[in-house]
Amino acid sequence: MSRRLPVLALAAATAVAGWIAPSPARAAEFRSIAQPSAMYDAPSRQARRLFAAPRGMPVEVVSTLGQWVKVRDVAGDVLWVERTDLGERRSVVTTALVAVRTQPQDAASAALQADRGVLLDLAEPPTDPAAPGWLRVRHRDGTAGWVRLADVWGWQ
């Protein structure tokens, strides 16, 4: 036996489904740690300190609660940090052994080899239409170059 909803009930069910449907995915927001900062397991200075994050460490913003920001690091750990410890300057971290190239091309010579976990500052946003899939970065020693977007975390 098939059940049919009356037209009004169907309309109401559709309206409710639309009302509770998940919102469209938003682009991830990434920030970097502005100064060496304590990372906590809860949004309070009385919470357990998990470790000290180095300056420049990229984090993905998950949510905010007052002066606290819940973040995810490259390892996928979810932590809390004070909002004032997040800076505007952006950096990324390498996810494998990466060649920082002199040009945004696989055949370009390597300006630098970076091991997994190396912090690189963003030299400019990844909006260069002449270099799709590449990101211009700078190492702390001053060496600048290009890395594939797929080889770093924290740029999105």
Protein backbone atom coordinates (compact mmCIF):
# COMPACT_ATOMS: atom_id res chain seq x y z
CA MET A 1 0.00 0.00 0.00
CA SER A 2 1.45 3.33 -0.98
CA ARG A 3 1.04 6.36 1.21
CA ARG A 4 0.42 9.75 -0.28
CA LEU A 5 0.81 12.94 1.60
CA PRO A 6 -1.84 15.57 1.09
CA VAL A 7 -0.61 18.49 -0.96
CA LEU A 8 -0.40 20.84 2.04
CA ALA A 9 1.51 18.28 4.11
CA LEU A 10 3.90 17.72 1.21
CA ALA A 11 4.47 21.46 0.86
CA ALA A 12 5.08 21.79 4.60
CA ALA A 13 7.49 18.85 4.59
CA THR A 14 9.38 20.38 1.67
CA ALA A 15 9.56 23.75 3.43
CA VAL A 16 10.83 22.16 6.63
CA ALA A 17 13.38 20.06 4.74
CA GLY A 18 14.64 23.21 3.04
CA TRP A 19 14.77 24.99 6.37
CA ILE A 20 16.88 22.33 8.08
CA ALA A 21 18.99 21.40 5.09
CA PRO A 22 22.70 21.94 5.59
CA SER A 23 24.00 25.25 4.40
CA PRO A 24 26.35 25.28 1.42
CA ALA A 25 29.96 24.57 2.27
CA ARG A 26 31.96 27.67 2.98
CA ALA A 27 35.53 28.13 1.95
CA ALA A 28 38.00 27.19 4.64
CA GLU A 29 39.49 30.12 6.52
CA PHE A 30 43.19 29.81 7.28
CA ARG A 31 45.25 32.00 9.55
CA SER A 32 48.75 31.77 11.01
CA ILE A 33 49.98 32.00 14.57
CA ALA A 34 51.36 35.54 15.08
CA GLN A 35 53.71 34.74 17.97
CA PRO A 36 54.63 31.60 19.90
CA SER A 37 51.34 30.70 21.55
CA ALA A 38 49.89 28.15 23.93
CA MET A 39 47.38 25.78 22.37
CA TYR A 40 44.66 24.52 24.73
CA ASP A 41 42.16 21.65 24.81
CA ALA A 42 39.32 24.04 25.74
CA PRO A 43 38.59 27.78 25.40
CA SER A 44 40.15 28.88 28.70
CA ARG A 45 43.57 29.67 30.15
CA GLN A 46 42.68 27.23 32.92
CA ALA A 47 42.32 24.43 30.34
CA ARG A 48 45.13 21.97 29.71
CA ARG A 49 47.98 23.39 27.61
CA LEU A 50 48.73 20.93 24.84
CA PHE A 51 51.80 22.56 23.29
CA ALA A 52 53.33 25.86 22.22
CA ALA A 53 52.65 26.67 18.58
CA PRO A 54 55.51 28.37 16.73
CA ARG A 55 55.13 31.74 15.03
CA GLY A 56 53.86 31.25 11.50
CA MET A 57 52.13 27.90 12.06
CA PRO A 58 49.10 27.79 9.75
CA VAL A 59 45.76 26.78 11.27
CA GLU A 60 42.27 26.33 9.86
CA VAL A 61 39.58 28.27 11.74
CA VAL A 62 36.78 25.91 12.80
CA SER A 63 34.72 28.27 14.98
CA THR A 64 35.00 31.16 17.41
CA LEU A 65 33.74 31.61 20.96
CA GLY A 66 34.32 35.11 22.30
CA GLN A 67 38.05 35.73 22.44
CA TRP A 68 38.85 32.08 21.66
CA VAL A 69 39.21 30.40 18.28
CA LYS A 70 38.85 26.67 17.69
CA VAL A 71 41.41 25.65 15.06
CA ARG A 72 42.62 22.56 13.21
CA ASP A 73 46.31 22.03 12.54
CA VAL A 74 48.06 20.19 9.72
CA ALA A 75 47.87 16.91 11.70
CA GLY A 76 44.08 17.29 11.99
CA ASP A 77 44.14 18.00 15.73
CA VAL A 78 41.47 20.41 16.97
CA LEU A 79 42.78 22.96 19.48
CA TRP A 80 41.89 26.31 21.03
CA VAL A 81 43.94 29.49 20.79
CA GLU A 82 43.28 33.07 21.87
CA ARG A 83 42.06 35.25 19.01
CA THR A 84 44.84 37.80 19.63
CA ASP A 85 47.44 35.12 18.89
CA LEU A 86 46.29 34.83 15.25
CA GLY A 87 47.93 37.13 12.73
CA GLU A 88 47.18 38.42 9.26
CA ARG A 89 50.48 37.24 7.77
CA ARG A 90 49.96 33.89 6.06
CA SER A 91 52.15 30.84 5.81
CA VAL A 92 51.87 27.24 4.69
CA VAL A 93 53.51 24.00 5.74
CA THR A 94 54.93 21.40 3.38
CA THR A 95 53.23 17.99 3.42
CA ALA A 96 56.10 16.02 1.86
CA LEU A 97 59.61 16.59 0.52
CA VAL A 98 59.02 19.56 -1.77
CA ALA A 99 61.10 21.34 -4.38
CA VAL A 100 60.61 25.09 -4.25
CA ARG A 101 61.01 25.95 -7.94
CA THR A 102 62.38 29.11 -9.55
CA GLN A 103 59.36 29.23 -11.89
CA PRO A 104 55.83 27.79 -11.60
CA GLN A 105 56.74 24.76 -13.73
CA ASP A 106 57.70 21.19 -12.85
CA ALA A 107 60.73 21.44 -15.18
CA ALA A 108 62.08 24.62 -13.52
CA SER A 109 65.21 24.33 -11.41
CA ALA A 110 64.86 23.93 -7.66
CA ALA A 111 65.71 27.00 -5.60
CA LEU A 112 65.33 24.99 -2.40
CA GLN A 113 64.41 21.51 -1.18
CA ALA A 114 62.06 21.60 1.82
CA ASP A 115 61.42 18.58 4.03
CA ARG A 116 57.94 17.70 5.26
CA GLY A 117 56.74 20.15 7.93
CA VAL A 118 58.73 23.20 6.81
CA LEU A 119 56.98 26.56 7.23
CA LEU A 120 56.96 28.81 4.17
CA ASP A 121 55.56 32.35 4.12
CA LEU A 122 53.14 33.26 1.36
CA ALA A 123 54.86 35.76 -0.93
CA GLU A 124 51.56 36.50 -2.69
CA PRO A 125 48.09 34.97 -2.85
CA PRO A 126 47.50 32.07 -5.28
CA THR A 127 45.63 34.19 -7.79
CA ASP A 128 48.18 34.40 -10.59
CA PRO A 129 46.27 33.20 -13.69
CA ALA A 130 49.61 32.54 -15.40
CA ALA A 131 50.50 30.01 -12.67
CA PRO A 132 47.42 27.89 -11.89
CA GLY A 133 48.12 25.23 -9.30
CA TRP A 134 51.19 27.03 -7.97
CA LEU A 135 51.87 29.24 -4.97
CA ARG A 136 54.68 31.79 -4.56
CA VAL A 137 56.41 31.32 -1.19
CA ARG A 138 59.43 32.51 0.76
CA HIS A 139 61.58 30.48 3.16
CA ARG A 140 62.82 32.12 6.38
CA ASP A 141 66.33 32.25 4.89
CA GLY A 142 64.97 34.59 2.19
CA THR A 143 64.85 32.09 -0.67
CA ALA A 144 61.69 32.61 -2.71
CA GLY A 145 60.10 30.42 -5.31
CA TRP A 146 57.07 28.39 -6.33
CA VAL A 147 55.46 25.25 -4.86
CA ARG A 148 52.55 23.19 -6.10
CA LEU A 149 49.36 23.89 -4.16
CA ALA A 150 48.96 20.14 -3.66
CA ASP A 151 52.29 19.98 -1.77
CA VAL A 152 51.43 22.43 1.02
CA TRP A 153 48.73 22.81 3.66
CA GLY A 154 47.16 26.04 4.85
CA TRP A 155 46.71 28.12 1.70
CA GLN A 156 43.00 27.61 0.93
